[in-house]
PDB file of N, CA and C in Angstrom:
ATOM      1  N   UNK A   1      17.978  10.633 -13.374  1.00  0.00           N
ATOM      2  CA  UNK A   1      18.065  10.335 -14.804  1.00  0.00           C
ATOM      3  C   UNK A   1      16.638   9.601 -15.205  1.00  0.00           C
ATOM      4  N   UNK A   2      16.516   9.551 -16.482  1.00  0.00           N
ATOM      5  CA  UNK A   2      15.221   8.914 -16.894  1.00  0.00           C
ATOM      6  C   UNK A   2      15.223   7.275 -16.598  1.00  0.00           C
ATOM      7  N   UNK A   3      16.330   6.742 -16.696  1.00  0.00           N
ATOM      8  CA  UNK A   3      16.370   5.345 -16.296  1.00  0.00           C
ATOM      9  C   UNK A   3      15.969   5.045 -14.983  1.00  0.00           C
ATOM     10  N   UNK A   4      16.579   5.947 -14.078  1.00  0.00           N
ATOM     11  CA  UNK A   4      16.235   5.856 -12.567  1.00  0.00           C
ATOM     12  C   UNK A   4      14.625   5.978 -12.280  1.00  0.00           C
ATOM     13  N   UNK A   5      14.191   7.023 -13.031  1.00  0.00           N
ATOM     14  CA  UNK A   5      12.717   7.191 -12.904  1.00  0.00           C
ATOM     15  C   UNK A   5      11.883   6.162 -13.352  1.00  0.00           C
ATOM     16  N   UNK A   6      12.295   5.564 -14.441  1.00  0.00           N
ATOM     17  CA  UNK A   6      11.584   4.433 -15.096  1.00  0.00           C
ATOM     18  C   UNK A   6      11.665   3.215 -14.043  1.00  0.00           C
ATOM     19  N   UNK A   7      12.816   2.980 -13.505  1.00  0.00           N
ATOM     20  CA  UNK A   7      13.021   1.980 -12.420  1.00  0.00           C
ATOM     21  C   UNK A   7      12.151   2.186 -11.132  1.00  0.00           C
ATOM     22  N   UNK A   8      12.056   3.473 -10.810  1.00  0.00           N
ATOM     23  CA  UNK A   8      11.169   3.750  -9.629  1.00  0.00           C
ATOM     24  C   UNK A   8       9.746   3.385 -10.006  1.00  0.00           C
ATOM     25  N   UNK A   9       9.363   3.701 -11.241  1.00  0.00           N
ATOM     26  CA  UNK A   9       7.970   3.449 -11.619  1.00  0.00           C
ATOM     27  C   UNK A   9       7.656   2.020 -11.476  1.00  0.00           C
ATOM     28  N   UNK A  10       8.525   1.152 -11.927  1.00  0.00           N
ATOM     29  CA  UNK A  10       8.394  -0.401 -11.904  1.00  0.00           C
ATOM     30  C   UNK A  10       8.398  -0.896 -10.393  1.00  0.00           C
ATOM     31  N   UNK A  11       9.173  -0.291  -9.625  1.00  0.00           N
ATOM     32  CA  UNK A  11       9.262  -0.646  -8.373  1.00  0.00           C
ATOM     33  C   UNK A  11       8.103  -0.236  -7.384  1.00  0.00           C
ATOM     34  N   UNK A  12       7.435   0.869  -7.823  1.00  0.00           N
ATOM     35  CA  UNK A  12       6.344   1.443  -7.018  1.00  0.00           C
ATOM     36  C   UNK A  12       5.148   1.855  -7.850  1.00  0.00           C
ATOM     37  N   UNK A  13       4.587   0.982  -8.678  1.00  0.00           N
ATOM     38  CA  UNK A  13       3.495   1.335  -9.519  1.00  0.00           C
ATOM     39  C   UNK A  13       2.217   1.888  -8.676  1.00  0.00           C
ATOM     40  N   UNK A  14       2.023   1.578  -7.589  1.00  0.00           N
ATOM     41  CA  UNK A  14       0.899   2.130  -6.714  1.00  0.00           C
ATOM     42  C   UNK A  14       1.113   3.493  -6.397  1.00  0.00           C
ATOM     43  N   UNK A  15       2.411   3.838  -6.211  1.00  0.00           N
ATOM     44  CA  UNK A  15       2.694   5.205  -5.874  1.00  0.00           C
ATOM     45  C   UNK A  15       2.539   5.977  -7.135  1.00  0.00           C
ATOM     46  N   UNK A  16       2.903   5.537  -8.314  1.00  0.00           N
ATOM     47  CA  UNK A  16       2.558   6.271  -9.530  1.00  0.00           C
ATOM     48  C   UNK A  16       1.080   6.534  -9.738  1.00  0.00           C
ATOM     49  N   UNK A  17       0.351   5.492  -9.562  1.00  0.00           N
ATOM     50  CA  UNK A  17      -1.010   5.536  -9.903  1.00  0.00           C
ATOM     51  C   UNK A  17      -1.659   6.503  -8.812  1.00  0.00           C
ATOM     52  N   UNK A  18      -1.335   6.355  -7.590  1.00  0.00           N
ATOM     53  CA  UNK A  18      -2.066   7.167  -6.515  1.00  0.00           C
ATOM     54  C   UNK A  18      -1.581   8.567  -6.632  1.00  0.00           C
ATOM     55  N   UNK A  19      -0.352   8.813  -7.072  1.00  0.00           N
ATOM     56  CA  UNK A  19       0.132  10.218  -7.252  1.00  0.00           C
ATOM     57  C   UNK A  19      -0.799  10.936  -8.296  1.00  0.00           C
ATOM     58  N   UNK A  20      -1.146  10.173  -9.309  1.00  0.00           N
ATOM     59  CA  UNK A  20      -1.962  10.743 -10.408  1.00  0.00           C
ATOM     60  C   UNK A  20      -3.393  11.020  -9.819  1.00  0.00           C
ATOM     61  N   UNK A  21      -3.953  10.019  -9.026  1.00  0.00           N
ATOM     62  CA  UNK A  21      -5.184  10.157  -8.244  1.00  0.00           C
ATOM     63  C   UNK A  21      -5.191  11.581  -7.526  1.00  0.00           C
ATOM     64  N   UNK A  22      -3.966  11.662  -6.752  1.00  0.00           N
ATOM     65  CA  UNK A  22      -3.962  12.881  -5.871  1.00  0.00           C
ATOM     66  C   UNK A  22      -4.030  14.108  -6.813  1.00  0.00           C
ATOM     67  N   UNK A  23      -3.228  14.184  -7.918  1.00  0.00           N
ATOM     68  CA  UNK A  23      -3.278  15.410  -8.685  1.00  0.00           C
ATOM     69  C   UNK A  23      -4.556  15.669  -9.190  1.00  0.00           C
ATOM     70  N   UNK A  24      -5.173  14.582  -9.644  1.00  0.00           N
ATOM     71  CA  UNK A  24      -6.536  14.903 -10.230  1.00  0.00           C
ATOM     72  C   UNK A  24      -7.745  15.212  -9.271  1.00  0.00           C
ATOM     73  N   UNK A  25      -7.386  14.762  -8.022  1.00  0.00           N
ATOM     74  CA  UNK A  25      -8.326  15.251  -6.891  1.00  0.00           C
ATOM     75  C   UNK A  25      -8.042  16.740  -6.541  1.00  0.00           C
ATOM     76  N   UNK A  26      -6.845  17.094  -6.557  1.00  0.00           N
ATOM     77  CA  UNK A  26      -6.578  18.571  -6.274  1.00  0.00           C
ATOM     78  C   UNK A  26      -7.175  19.429  -7.328  1.00  0.00           C
ATOM     79  N   UNK A  27      -6.953  18.868  -8.675  1.00  0.00           N
ATOM     80  CA  UNK A  27      -7.581  19.764  -9.647  1.00  0.00           C
ATOM     81  C   UNK A  27      -9.054  19.737  -9.693  1.00  0.00           C
ATOM     82  N   UNK A  28      -9.672  18.614  -9.331  1.00  0.00           N
ATOM     83  CA  UNK A  28     -11.202  18.586  -9.083  1.00  0.00           C
ATOM     84  C   UNK A  28     -11.573  19.593  -8.051  1.00  0.00           C
ATOM     85  N   UNK A  29     -10.881  19.699  -6.840  1.00  0.00           N
ATOM     86  CA  UNK A  29     -11.143  20.674  -5.891  1.00  0.00           C
ATOM     87  C   UNK A  29     -10.976  22.077  -6.259  1.00  0.00           C
ATOM     88  N   UNK A  30      -9.781  22.463  -7.181  1.00  0.00           N
ATOM     89  CA  UNK A  30      -9.631  23.719  -7.610  1.00  0.00           C
ATOM     90  C   UNK A  30     -10.754  24.057  -8.619  1.00  0.00           C
ATOM     91  N   UNK A  31     -11.245  23.140  -9.321  1.00  0.00           N
ATOM     92  CA  UNK A  31     -12.261  23.478 -10.300  1.00  0.00           C
ATOM     93  C   UNK A  31     -13.497  23.806  -9.580  1.00  0.00           C
ATOM     94  N   UNK A  32     -13.777  23.044  -8.670  1.00  0.00           N
ATOM     95  CA  UNK A  32     -15.189  23.397  -7.841  1.00  0.00           C
ATOM     96  C   UNK A  32     -14.938  24.724  -7.121  1.00  0.00           C
ATOM     97  N   UNK A  33     -13.900  25.013  -6.556  1.00  0.00           N
ATOM     98  CA  UNK A  33     -13.663  26.263  -5.935  1.00  0.00           C
ATOM     99  C   UNK A  33     -13.841  27.381  -6.837  1.00  0.00           C
ATOM    100  N   UNK A  34     -13.304  27.198  -8.203  1.00  0.00           N
ATOM    101  CA  UNK A  34     -13.358  28.275  -9.156  1.00  0.00           C
ATOM    102  C   UNK A  34     -14.729  28.376  -9.600  1.00  0.00           C
ATOM    103  N   UNK A  35     -15.391  27.335  -9.825  1.00  0.00           N
ATOM    104  CA  UNK A  35     -16.875  27.545 -10.235  1.00  0.00           C
ATOM    105  C   UNK A  35     -17.763  28.065  -9.169  1.00  0.00           C
ATOM    106  N   UNK A  36     -17.415  27.792  -7.904  1.00  0.00           N
ATOM    107  CA  UNK A  36     -18.238  28.495  -6.809  1.00  0.00           C
ATOM    108  C   UNK A  36     -18.030  29.980  -6.745  1.00  0.00           C
ATOM    109  N   UNK A  37     -16.669  30.384  -7.103  1.00  0.00           N
ATOM    110  CA  UNK A  37     -16.439  31.669  -6.945  1.00  0.00           C
ATOM    111  C   UNK A  37     -16.673  32.507  -8.341  1.00  0.00           C
ATOM    112  N   UNK A  38     -17.152  31.723  -9.300  1.00  0.00           N
ATOM    113  CA  UNK A  38     -17.690  32.376 -10.436  1.00  0.00           C
ATOM    114  C   UNK A  38     -16.474  32.580 -11.417  1.00  0.00           C
ATOM    115  N   UNK A  39     -15.505  31.981 -11.279  1.00  0.00           N
ATOM    116  CA  UNK A  39     -14.278  31.948 -12.114  1.00  0.00           C
ATOM    117  C   UNK A  39     -14.247  30.918 -13.282  1.00  0.00           C
ATOM    118  N   UNK A  40     -13.578  31.185 -14.296  1.00  0.00           N
ATOM    119  CA  UNK A  40     -13.381  30.026 -15.262  1.00  0.00           C
ATOM    120  C   UNK A  40     -12.523  29.090 -14.808  1.00  0.00           C
ATOM    121  N   UNK A  41     -12.776  27.814 -14.671  1.00  0.00           N
ATOM    122  CA  UNK A  41     -11.946  26.801 -14.144  1.00  0.00           C
ATOM    123  C   UNK A  41     -10.745  26.505 -15.165  1.00  0.00           C
ATOM    124  N   UNK A  42      -9.713  25.920 -14.550  1.00  0.00           N
ATOM    125  CA  UNK A  42      -8.576  25.422 -15.441  1.00  0.00           C
ATOM    126  C   UNK A  42      -9.003  24.335 -16.239  1.00  0.00           C
ATOM    127  N   UNK A  43      -8.195  23.983 -17.306  1.00  0.00           N
ATOM    128  CA  UNK A  43      -8.441  22.849 -18.226  1.00  0.00           C
ATOM    129  C   UNK A  43      -7.745  21.599 -17.666  1.00  0.00           C
ATOM    130  N   UNK A  44      -7.212  21.578 -16.439  1.00  0.00           N
ATOM    131  CA  UNK A  44      -6.579  20.488 -15.990  1.00  0.00           C
ATOM    132  C   UNK A  44      -7.602  19.323 -15.911  1.00  0.00           C
ATOM    133  N   UNK A  45      -7.156  18.028 -16.089  1.00  0.00           N
ATOM    134  CA  UNK A  45      -8.056  16.835 -15.997  1.00  0.00           C
ATOM    135  C   UNK A  45      -8.537  16.827 -14.544  1.00  0.00           C
ATOM    136  N   UNK A  46      -9.893  16.451 -14.457  1.00  0.00           N
ATOM    137  CA  UNK A  46     -10.451  16.369 -13.157  1.00  0.00           C
ATOM    138  C   UNK A  46     -11.516  15.242 -13.181  1.00  0.00           C
ATOM    139  N   UNK A  47     -11.952  14.860 -11.991  1.00  0.00           N
ATOM    140  CA  UNK A  47     -12.881  13.833 -11.843  1.00  0.00           C
ATOM    141  C   UNK A  47     -14.360  14.402 -12.067  1.00  0.00           C
ATOM    142  N   UNK A  48     -15.117  13.871 -12.941  1.00  0.00           N
ATOM    143  CA  UNK A  48     -16.519  14.292 -13.195  1.00  0.00           C
ATOM    144  C   UNK A  48     -17.513  13.503 -12.256  1.00  0.00           C
ATOM    145  N   UNK A  49     -17.138  12.412 -11.913  1.00  0.00           N
ATOM    146  CA  UNK A  49     -17.970  11.685 -10.959  1.00  0.00           C
ATOM    147  C   UNK A  49     -17.170  10.531 -10.196  1.00  0.00           C
ATOM    148  N   UNK A  50     -17.994   9.905  -9.220  1.00  0.00           N
ATOM    149  CA  UNK A  50     -17.236   9.007  -8.303  1.00  0.00           C
ATOM    150  C   UNK A  50     -16.713   7.761  -9.021  1.00  0.00           C
ATOM    151  N   UNK A  51     -17.275   7.358 -10.081  1.00  0.00           N
ATOM    152  CA  UNK A  51     -16.945   6.235 -10.808  1.00  0.00           C
ATOM    153  C   UNK A  51     -15.430   6.462 -11.391  1.00  0.00           C
ATOM    154  N   UNK A  52     -15.211   7.659 -11.811  1.00  0.00           N
ATOM    155  CA  UNK A  52     -13.811   7.904 -12.486  1.00  0.00           C
ATOM    156  C   UNK A  52     -12.887   7.869 -11.320  1.00  0.00           C
ATOM    157  N   UNK A  53     -13.043   8.200 -10.102  1.00  0.00           N
ATOM    158  CA  UNK A  53     -12.185   8.203  -9.048  1.00  0.00           C
ATOM    159  C   UNK A  53     -12.070   6.680  -8.549  1.00  0.00           C
ATOM    160  N   UNK A  54     -13.150   6.012  -8.477  1.00  0.00           N
ATOM    161  CA  UNK A  54     -13.064   4.607  -8.056  1.00  0.00           C
ATOM    162  C   UNK A  54     -12.297   3.666  -8.901  1.00  0.00           C
ATOM    163  N   UNK A  55     -12.258   3.858 -10.212  1.00  0.00           N
ATOM    164  CA  UNK A  55     -11.706   3.031 -11.194  1.00  0.00           C
ATOM    165  C   UNK A  55     -10.152   2.725 -10.882  1.00  0.00           C
ATOM    166  N   UNK A  56      -9.289   3.828 -10.706  1.00  0.00           N
ATOM    167  CA  UNK A  56      -7.811   3.455 -10.346  1.00  0.00           C
ATOM    168  C   UNK A  56      -7.751   2.972  -8.961  1.00  0.00           C
ATOM    169  N   UNK A  57      -8.524   3.224  -8.046  1.00  0.00           N
ATOM    170  CA  UNK A  57      -8.536   2.696  -6.630  1.00  0.00           C
ATOM    171  C   UNK A  57      -8.847   1.348  -6.734  1.00  0.00           C
ATOM    172  N   UNK A  58      -9.834   0.914  -7.428  1.00  0.00           N
ATOM    173  CA  UNK A  58     -10.225  -0.569  -7.470  1.00  0.00           C
ATOM    174  C   UNK A  58      -9.232  -1.418  -8.289  1.00  0.00           C
ATOM    175  N   UNK A  59      -8.511  -0.855  -9.295  1.00  0.00           N
ATOM    176  CA  UNK A  59      -7.411  -1.367  -9.867  1.00  0.00           C
ATOM    177  C   UNK A  59      -6.304  -1.748  -9.032  1.00  0.00           C
ATOM    178  N   UNK A  60      -5.906  -0.769  -8.134  1.00  0.00           N
ATOM    179  CA  UNK A  60      -4.953  -0.969  -7.149  1.00  0.00           C
ATOM    180  C   UNK A  60      -5.330  -1.977  -6.156  1.00  0.00           C
ATOM    181  N   UNK A  61      -6.615  -1.996  -5.727  1.00  0.00           N
ATOM    182  CA  UNK A  61      -7.165  -2.936  -4.769  1.00  0.00           C
ATOM    183  C   UNK A  61      -6.988  -4.372  -5.328  1.00  0.00           C
ATOM    184  N   UNK A  62      -7.365  -4.585  -6.592  1.00  0.00           N
ATOM    185  CA  UNK A  62      -7.367  -5.844  -7.208  1.00  0.00           C
ATOM    186  C   UNK A  62      -5.816  -6.352  -7.443  1.00  0.00           C
ATOM    187  N   UNK A  63      -5.059  -5.443  -7.794  1.00  0.00           N
ATOM    188  CA  UNK A  63      -3.660  -5.678  -7.938  1.00  0.00           C
ATOM    189  C   UNK A  63      -3.002  -6.134  -6.713  1.00  0.00           C
ATOM    190  N   UNK A  64      -3.330  -5.469  -5.595  1.00  0.00           N
ATOM    191  CA  UNK A  64      -2.658  -5.850  -4.306  1.00  0.00           C
ATOM    192  C   UNK A  64      -3.177  -7.168  -3.842  1.00  0.00           C
ATOM    193  N   UNK A  65      -4.411  -7.619  -4.125  1.00  0.00           N
ATOM    194  CA  UNK A  65      -4.855  -8.897  -3.818  1.00  0.00           C
ATOM    195  C   UNK A  65      -4.087  -9.995  -4.609  1.00  0.00           C
ATOM    196  N   UNK A  66      -4.016  -9.621  -5.991  1.00  0.00           N
ATOM    197  CA  UNK A  66      -3.387 -10.602  -6.961  1.00  0.00           C
ATOM    198  C   UNK A  66      -1.866 -10.822  -6.594  1.00  0.00           C
ATOM    199  N   UNK A  67      -1.316  -9.822  -5.859  1.00  0.00           N
ATOM    200  CA  UNK A  67       0.041  -9.971  -5.714  1.00  0.00           C
ATOM    201  C   UNK A  67       0.386 -10.437  -4.258  1.00  0.00           C
ATOM    202  N   UNK A  68      -0.601 -10.873  -3.470  1.00  0.00           N
ATOM    203  CA  UNK A  68      -0.480 -11.284  -2.164  1.00  0.00           C
ATOM    204  C   UNK A  68      -0.398 -10.345  -0.985  1.00  0.00           C
ATOM    205  N   UNK A  69      -0.896  -9.225  -1.418  1.00  0.00           N
ATOM    206  CA  UNK A  69      -0.952  -8.129  -0.386  1.00  0.00           C
ATOM    207  C   UNK A  69      -2.281  -7.631  -0.050  1.00  0.00           C
ATOM    208  N   UNK A  70      -3.151  -8.579   0.079  1.00  0.00           N
ATOM    209  CA  UNK A  70      -4.610  -8.378   0.386  1.00  0.00           C
ATOM    210  C   UNK A  70      -4.668  -7.697   1.681  1.00  0.00           C
ATOM    211  N   UNK A  71      -3.928  -7.786   2.606  1.00  0.00           N
ATOM    212  CA  UNK A  71      -4.041  -7.064   3.968  1.00  0.00           C
ATOM    213  C   UNK A  71      -3.794  -5.691   3.746  1.00  0.00           C
ATOM    214  N   UNK A  72      -2.919  -5.312   2.929  1.00  0.00           N
ATOM    215  CA  UNK A  72      -2.781  -3.903   2.480  1.00  0.00           C
ATOM    216  C   UNK A  72      -3.959  -3.241   1.881  1.00  0.00           C
ATOM    217  N   UNK A  73      -4.604  -4.006   0.904  1.00  0.00           N
ATOM    218  CA  UNK A  73      -5.851  -3.689   0.248  1.00  0.00           C
ATOM    219  C   UNK A  73      -6.960  -3.439   1.250  1.00  0.00           C
ATOM    220  N   UNK A  74      -6.982  -4.250   2.168  1.00  0.00           N
ATOM    221  CA  UNK A  74      -8.135  -4.151   3.243  1.00  0.00           C
ATOM    222  C   UNK A  74      -8.073  -2.927   4.105  1.00  0.00           C
ATOM    223  N   UNK A  75      -7.085  -2.065   4.137  1.00  0.00           N
ATOM    224  CA  UNK A  75      -6.815  -1.135   5.057  1.00  0.00           C
ATOM    225  C   UNK A  75      -7.378   0.211   4.482  1.00  0.00           C
ATOM    226  N   UNK A  76      -6.652   1.233   4.576  1.00  0.00           N
ATOM    227  CA  UNK A  76      -7.109   2.579   4.145  1.00  0.00           C
ATOM    228  C   UNK A  76      -7.693   2.685   2.687  1.00  0.00           C
ATOM    229  N   UNK A  77      -7.177   1.834   1.878  1.00  0.00           N
ATOM    230  CA  UNK A  77      -7.417   1.859   0.412  1.00  0.00           C
ATOM    231  C   UNK A  77      -8.965   1.412   0.332  1.00  0.00           C
ATOM    232  N   UNK A  78      -9.359   0.263   0.978  1.00  0.00           N
ATOM    233  CA  UNK A  78     -10.723  -0.079   1.099  1.00  0.00           C
ATOM    234  C   UNK A  78     -11.665   0.963   1.663  1.00  0.00           C
ATOM    235  N   UNK A  79     -11.213   1.538   2.769  1.00  0.00           N
ATOM    236  CA  UNK A  79     -12.007   2.604   3.267  1.00  0.00           C
ATOM    237  C   UNK A  79     -12.184   3.693   2.328  1.00  0.00           C
ATOM    238  N   UNK A  80     -11.125   3.999   1.596  1.00  0.00           N
ATOM    239  CA  UNK A  80     -11.382   5.150   0.595  1.00  0.00           C
ATOM    240  C   UNK A  80     -12.326   4.859  -0.431  1.00  0.00           C
ATOM    241  N   UNK A  81     -12.171   3.481  -0.896  1.00  0.00           N
ATOM    242  CA  UNK A  81     -13.167   3.108  -1.980  1.00  0.00           C
ATOM    243  C   UNK A  81     -14.504   3.064  -1.468  1.00  0.00           C
ATOM    244  N   UNK A  82     -14.825   2.613  -0.229  1.00  0.00           N
ATOM    245  CA  UNK A  82     -16.195   2.629   0.247  1.00  0.00           C
ATOM    246  C   UNK A  82     -16.682   3.933   0.319  1.00  0.00           C
ATOM    247  N   UNK A  83     -15.927   5.009   0.437  1.00  0.00           N
ATOM    248  CA  UNK A  83     -16.304   6.394   0.694  1.00  0.00           C
ATOM    249  C   UNK A  83     -16.621   7.061  -0.757  1.00  0.00           C
ATOM    250  N   UNK A  84     -16.281   6.393  -1.895  1.00  0.00           N
ATOM    251  CA  UNK A  84     -16.360   7.022  -3.257  1.00  0.00           C
ATOM    252  C   UNK A  84     -17.727   6.697  -3.744  1.00  0.00           C
TER     253      UNK A  84
END
């Protein structure tokens, strides 16, 4: 139900944000593949530059530190941020 989905969003905001990041990354890859193949790309939202990708990742990083989960922030998330 809608109530349960809203509750899940409140319980796992990082999952919601990173799910959006994943979808946008997939759209970016599809767009690049379409462009390379000479096809007209979809109109799905995509990342135009690394800064756009880094923004939600850095927001998660900061939030994790602010909520006492710095050890989580320093793992794969920080590695991913460094690669963007």
